[in-house]
């Protein structure tokens, strides 16, 4: 019986540790193969960070042969059933950011964004003398595209955290909103250099979407096709956890919940 791990957000660590993993790679395959710009809203602890980390593991060039994507995905849907077969050597430069930052002021937020971009740039050996976060992000996308002759993958987790975490201070939330508007303004002009853009968060802020900064993203939040991309469906719950929670499963079945709402999702962690 496989162990359940609730603390990992790393796809590689889950597979390496042979922990329970609800296979989401059919949806990952569809989005990775066609590319595009997407947004997904889900509650906390629903597997959003793990989803982005799965894209990271799929695209990032491995540091060693043991870390090659094929080794992690070979026993999952994308490695066994994908048609056409997925090319696990289609490595791309990846910018993976989490905006769960300390943001007691817009300047601290701006400095935190800049520090993250500098860190990613340094890891790829590219640097430019630009100080604004949006300018640094634009520059990094262009530099990586030119260096690797591959379109870039951009993953942003907790895209809304600097606003949402400061609801009690409206002035600070609005100031952070203006910083984020500037930061996200780097995305649309660089569409041609980006293979995949994926933002996740808890809320869909009208002030951000209405500003035309990120309104080009395809919102998957209520998409029926991608309803199961995060969380657990009842089928996955039954396949992965029936032996651990038989009473809970029997209770749900007894109430007829499974038949009435087959797309309902159970929190992943």
Protein backbone atom coordinates (compact mmCIF):
# COMPACT_ATOMS: atom_id res chain seq x y z
CA UNK A 1 0.00 0.00 0.00
CA UNK A 2 1.43 3.36 -1.03
CA UNK A 3 1.88 6.07 1.59
CA UNK A 4 0.00 9.34 1.47
CA UNK A 5 2.15 12.48 1.52
CA UNK A 6 0.41 15.76 2.36
CA UNK A 7 3.42 18.05 2.62
CA UNK A 8 5.02 17.76 -0.82
CA UNK A 9 4.30 20.19 -3.63
CA UNK A 10 7.01 18.56 -5.74
CA UNK A 11 5.83 16.13 -8.41
CA UNK A 12 9.28 14.56 -8.57
CA UNK A 13 9.38 13.93 -4.81
CA UNK A 14 5.96 12.28 -4.89
CA UNK A 15 6.99 9.94 -7.70
CA UNK A 16 10.43 9.24 -6.24
CA UNK A 17 8.91 8.45 -2.87
CA UNK A 18 6.28 6.21 -4.49
CA UNK A 19 3.51 8.13 -2.75
CA UNK A 20 -0.13 8.13 -3.83
CA UNK A 21 -0.62 10.37 -6.88
CA UNK A 22 -3.93 10.96 -8.65
CA UNK A 23 -2.91 10.98 -12.30
CA UNK A 24 -3.63 14.39 -13.82
CA UNK A 25 -1.30 14.00 -16.77
CA UNK A 26 -4.01 13.68 -19.42
CA UNK A 27 -4.96 17.32 -18.79
CA UNK A 28 -1.30 18.27 -18.47
CA UNK A 29 -0.60 16.63 -21.84
CA UNK A 30 -3.40 18.52 -23.59
CA UNK A 31 -2.21 21.90 -22.33
CA UNK A 32 1.51 21.20 -22.69
CA UNK A 33 1.14 19.97 -26.28
CA UNK A 34 -0.92 22.88 -27.60
CA UNK A 35 0.49 25.64 -25.39
CA UNK A 36 -1.31 28.91 -24.74
CA UNK A 37 -2.05 31.19 -21.79
CA UNK A 38 -4.27 29.97 -18.96
CA UNK A 39 -5.63 30.84 -15.55
CA UNK A 40 -7.08 28.54 -12.89
CA UNK A 41 -8.78 29.46 -9.64
CA UNK A 42 -9.19 26.89 -6.88
CA UNK A 43 -9.37 27.01 -3.05
CA UNK A 44 -6.33 26.53 -0.87
CA UNK A 45 -4.86 23.02 -0.50
CA UNK A 46 -6.41 21.90 -3.77
CA UNK A 47 -3.21 20.95 -5.59
CA UNK A 48 -2.56 24.11 -7.63
CA UNK A 49 1.12 24.27 -6.69
CA UNK A 50 1.54 20.56 -7.45
CA UNK A 51 -0.05 21.09 -10.86
CA UNK A 52 2.42 23.84 -11.78
CA UNK A 53 5.28 21.75 -10.45
CA UNK A 54 4.14 18.93 -12.74
CA UNK A 55 4.47 21.25 -15.75
CA UNK A 56 7.89 22.27 -14.44
CA UNK A 57 8.99 18.63 -14.22
CA UNK A 58 7.74 17.99 -17.75
CA UNK A 59 9.51 20.90 -19.45
CA UNK A 60 12.65 21.61 -17.43
CA UNK A 61 15.90 20.14 -18.72
CA UNK A 62 17.11 17.61 -16.14
CA UNK A 63 20.31 18.06 -14.18
CA UNK A 64 21.09 14.35 -14.54
CA UNK A 65 19.83 11.38 -16.59
CA UNK A 66 18.04 10.07 -13.50
CA UNK A 67 15.93 13.24 -13.42
CA UNK A 68 14.84 12.95 -17.07
CA UNK A 69 11.07 13.54 -17.40
CA UNK A 70 10.51 10.13 -18.97
CA UNK A 71 11.58 8.46 -15.73
CA UNK A 72 8.87 10.27 -13.79
CA UNK A 73 6.02 10.13 -16.31
CA UNK A 74 6.52 6.72 -17.92
CA UNK A 75 3.96 4.92 -15.73
CA UNK A 76 1.32 7.66 -15.97
CA UNK A 77 -1.29 8.42 -18.64
CA UNK A 78 1.01 10.76 -20.55
CA UNK A 79 3.69 8.06 -20.76
CA UNK A 80 1.40 5.18 -21.69
CA UNK A 81 -1.72 6.39 -23.47
CA UNK A 82 -0.93 9.77 -25.05
CA UNK A 83 -1.62 9.90 -28.80
CA UNK A 84 0.51 11.12 -30.41
CA UNK A 85 3.21 10.09 -27.97
CA UNK A 86 4.61 12.97 -25.95
CA UNK A 87 8.21 13.99 -26.65
CA UNK A 88 9.84 13.97 -23.23
CA UNK A 89 12.97 15.58 -24.67
CA UNK A 90 11.11 18.77 -25.63
CA UNK A 91 12.91 20.76 -22.93
CA UNK A 92 12.15 24.45 -22.56
CA UNK A 93 13.38 27.24 -20.29
CA UNK A 94 11.00 27.51 -17.34
CA UNK A 95 10.26 30.58 -15.23
CA UNK A 96 8.49 29.27 -12.12
CA UNK A 97 7.41 31.91 -9.60
CA UNK A 98 5.34 31.89 -6.42
CA UNK A 99 3.93 35.26 -5.38
CA UNK A 100 3.36 34.19 -1.81
CA UNK A 101 5.65 36.99 -0.71
CA UNK A 102 6.12 39.32 2.20
CA UNK A 103 4.24 42.42 1.03
CA UNK A 104 3.90 44.88 3.90
CA UNK A 105 4.44 47.65 1.35
CA UNK A 106 4.37 47.99 -2.44
CA UNK A 107 8.13 48.59 -2.39
CA UNK A 108 8.75 45.34 -0.52
CA UNK A 109 6.54 43.55 -3.07
CA UNK A 110 8.39 45.14 -5.97
CA UNK A 111 11.76 44.25 -4.46
CA UNK A 112 10.60 40.67 -3.86
CA UNK A 113 9.48 40.27 -7.47
CA UNK A 114 12.77 41.68 -8.73
CA UNK A 115 14.75 39.34 -6.47
CA UNK A 116 12.84 36.32 -7.78
CA UNK A 117 13.47 37.29 -11.40
CA UNK A 118 17.17 37.87 -10.71
CA UNK A 119 17.35 34.42 -9.12
CA UNK A 120 15.80 32.72 -12.16
CA UNK A 121 18.03 34.73 -14.51
CA UNK A 122 21.15 33.76 -12.56
CA UNK A 123 20.17 30.08 -12.67
CA UNK A 124 20.17 30.29 -16.48
CA UNK A 125 23.28 32.45 -16.66
CA UNK A 126 21.56 35.52 -18.12
CA UNK A 127 21.59 39.00 -16.62
CA UNK A 128 20.67 42.53 -17.66
CA UNK A 129 20.88 45.85 -15.87
CA UNK A 130 17.15 46.46 -15.50
CA UNK A 131 15.57 47.33 -12.15
CA UNK A 132 11.79 47.28 -12.58
CA UNK A 133 10.14 43.85 -12.10
CA UNK A 134 8.10 44.05 -15.32
CA UNK A 135 11.17 45.14 -17.30
CA UNK A 136 13.20 42.32 -15.79
CA UNK A 137 10.50 39.77 -16.63
CA UNK A 138 10.24 40.98 -20.25
CA UNK A 139 14.00 40.91 -20.58
CA UNK A 140 14.29 37.45 -19.06
CA UNK A 141 11.67 36.00 -21.42
CA UNK A 142 13.46 37.48 -24.44
CA UNK A 143 16.92 36.38 -23.22
CA UNK A 144 15.82 32.80 -22.57
CA UNK A 145 14.07 32.55 -25.93
CA UNK A 146 17.19 33.80 -27.70
CA UNK A 147 19.61 31.64 -25.70
CA UNK A 148 17.74 28.34 -26.06
CA UNK A 149 15.90 29.01 -29.33
CA UNK A 150 12.79 27.66 -27.62
CA UNK A 151 9.66 29.40 -26.49
CA UNK A 152 9.55 29.91 -22.72
CA UNK A 153 7.24 28.34 -20.13
CA UNK A 154 6.00 30.79 -17.47
CA UNK A 155 4.33 29.45 -14.32
CA UNK A 156 3.01 31.80 -11.63
CA UNK A 157 1.48 30.39 -8.45
CA UNK A 158 -0.50 32.49 -5.93
CA UNK A 159 -0.83 35.27 -8.51
CA UNK A 160 -3.29 37.09 -6.22
CA UNK A 161 -1.63 36.62 -2.82
CA UNK A 162 -0.20 40.17 -2.48
CA UNK A 163 -3.77 41.52 -2.79
CA UNK A 164 -5.74 38.81 -1.03
CA UNK A 165 -3.44 38.65 2.00
CA UNK A 166 -4.02 42.36 2.66
CA UNK A 167 -7.81 42.62 2.55
CA UNK A 168 -7.85 44.21 6.00
CA UNK A 169 -5.78 47.13 4.65
CA UNK A 170 -7.52 48.45 1.54
CA UNK A 171 -4.86 51.04 0.80
CA UNK A 172 -2.07 48.44 0.88
CA UNK A 173 -4.12 45.99 -1.18
CA UNK A 174 -4.72 48.63 -3.86
CA UNK A 175 -1.06 49.68 -3.83
CA UNK A 176 0.00 46.07 -4.30
CA UNK A 177 -2.57 45.74 -7.06
CA UNK A 178 -0.86 48.54 -8.98
CA UNK A 179 2.51 46.78 -8.63
CA UNK A 180 0.99 43.55 -9.95
CA UNK A 181 -0.66 45.37 -12.87
CA UNK A 182 2.75 46.61 -13.88
CA UNK A 183 4.35 43.20 -13.41
CA UNK A 184 1.72 41.31 -15.41
CA UNK A 185 1.86 43.90 -18.18
CA UNK A 186 4.98 42.04 -19.36
CA UNK A 187 2.95 39.01 -20.44
CA UNK A 188 0.81 40.12 -23.37
CA UNK A 189 3.59 41.87 -25.37
CA UNK A 190 5.73 38.71 -25.14
CA UNK A 191 3.05 36.23 -26.28
CA UNK A 192 5.14 35.20 -29.29
CA UNK A 193 8.04 34.20 -27.02
CA UNK A 194 5.93 32.11 -24.62
CA UNK A 195 4.87 28.51 -25.27
CA UNK A 196 2.82 28.11 -22.10
CA UNK A 197 1.67 30.62 -19.49
CA UNK A 198 -0.21 29.30 -16.47
CA UNK A 199 -1.36 31.43 -13.53
CA UNK A 200 -3.11 30.01 -10.48
CA UNK A 201 -4.77 31.66 -7.52
CA UNK A 202 -7.78 31.64 -5.25
CA UNK A 203 -9.73 34.57 -6.67
CA UNK A 204 -10.38 36.23 -10.02
CA UNK A 205 -9.93 39.94 -9.37
CA UNK A 206 -12.05 42.08 -11.67
CA UNK A 207 -9.64 44.99 -11.25
CA UNK A 208 -6.83 42.90 -12.72
CA UNK A 209 -8.85 41.27 -15.50
CA UNK A 210 -10.64 44.47 -16.41
CA UNK A 211 -7.34 46.30 -16.82
CA UNK A 212 -6.59 44.30 -20.01
CA UNK A 213 -3.33 43.19 -18.44
CA UNK A 214 -4.17 39.49 -18.16
CA UNK A 215 -7.57 39.28 -19.86
CA UNK A 216 -5.99 37.30 -22.71
CA UNK A 217 -5.63 34.28 -20.43
CA UNK A 218 -8.10 31.45 -20.99
CA UNK A 219 -9.93 30.95 -17.69
CA UNK A 220 -10.17 27.22 -16.94
CA UNK A 221 -11.85 27.71 -13.57
CA UNK A 222 -15.33 26.66 -14.73
CA UNK A 223 -14.21 24.65 -17.75
CA UNK A 224 -15.95 21.26 -17.86
CA UNK A 225 -13.08 19.85 -19.92
CA UNK A 226 -10.56 20.68 -17.19
CA UNK A 227 -12.83 20.33 -14.16
CA UNK A 228 -10.66 17.52 -12.80
CA UNK A 229 -7.26 19.14 -13.31
CA UNK A 230 -6.94 19.74 -9.54
CA UNK A 231 -8.44 18.06 -6.52
CA UNK A 232 -9.83 14.54 -6.43
CA UNK A 233 -12.85 13.26 -8.28
CA UNK A 234 -14.88 10.56 -6.57
CA UNK A 235 -13.45 8.01 -9.02
CA UNK A 236 -9.92 9.04 -8.06
CA UNK A 237 -10.87 9.01 -4.40
CA UNK A 238 -12.20 5.49 -4.78
CA UNK A 239 -9.14 4.29 -6.71
CA UNK A 240 -6.58 5.92 -4.43
CA UNK A 241 -8.13 5.87 -0.97
CA UNK A 242 -10.95 3.30 -0.80
CA UNK A 243 -8.79 0.95 1.28
CA UNK A 244 -8.03 3.74 3.76
CA UNK A 245 -11.42 5.43 4.05
CA UNK A 246 -14.00 2.73 3.30
CA UNK A 247 -16.59 4.15 5.67
CA UNK A 248 -16.44 7.60 4.10
CA UNK A 249 -16.78 6.15 0.61
CA UNK A 250 -19.66 3.91 1.66
CA UNK A 251 -21.40 6.89 3.25
CA UNK A 252 -21.08 8.97 0.09
CA UNK A 253 -22.37 6.14 -2.06
CA UNK A 254 -25.24 5.48 0.34
CA UNK A 255 -26.41 9.06 0.00
CA UNK A 256 -26.35 8.81 -3.78
CA UNK A 257 -23.88 11.69 -3.96
CA UNK A 258 -21.61 9.95 -6.44
CA UNK A 259 -24.32 9.50 -9.04
CA UNK A 260 -25.76 13.00 -8.69
CA UNK A 261 -22.57 15.05 -8.86
CA UNK A 262 -19.85 13.04 -10.62
CA UNK A 263 -17.69 16.15 -11.21
CA UNK A 264 -17.69 17.29 -7.56
CA UNK A 265 -14.12 17.60 -6.32
CA UNK A 266 -12.71 16.63 -2.98
CA UNK A 267 -9.84 18.73 -1.67
CA UNK A 268 -6.57 17.09 -2.67
CA UNK A 269 -4.58 17.64 0.49
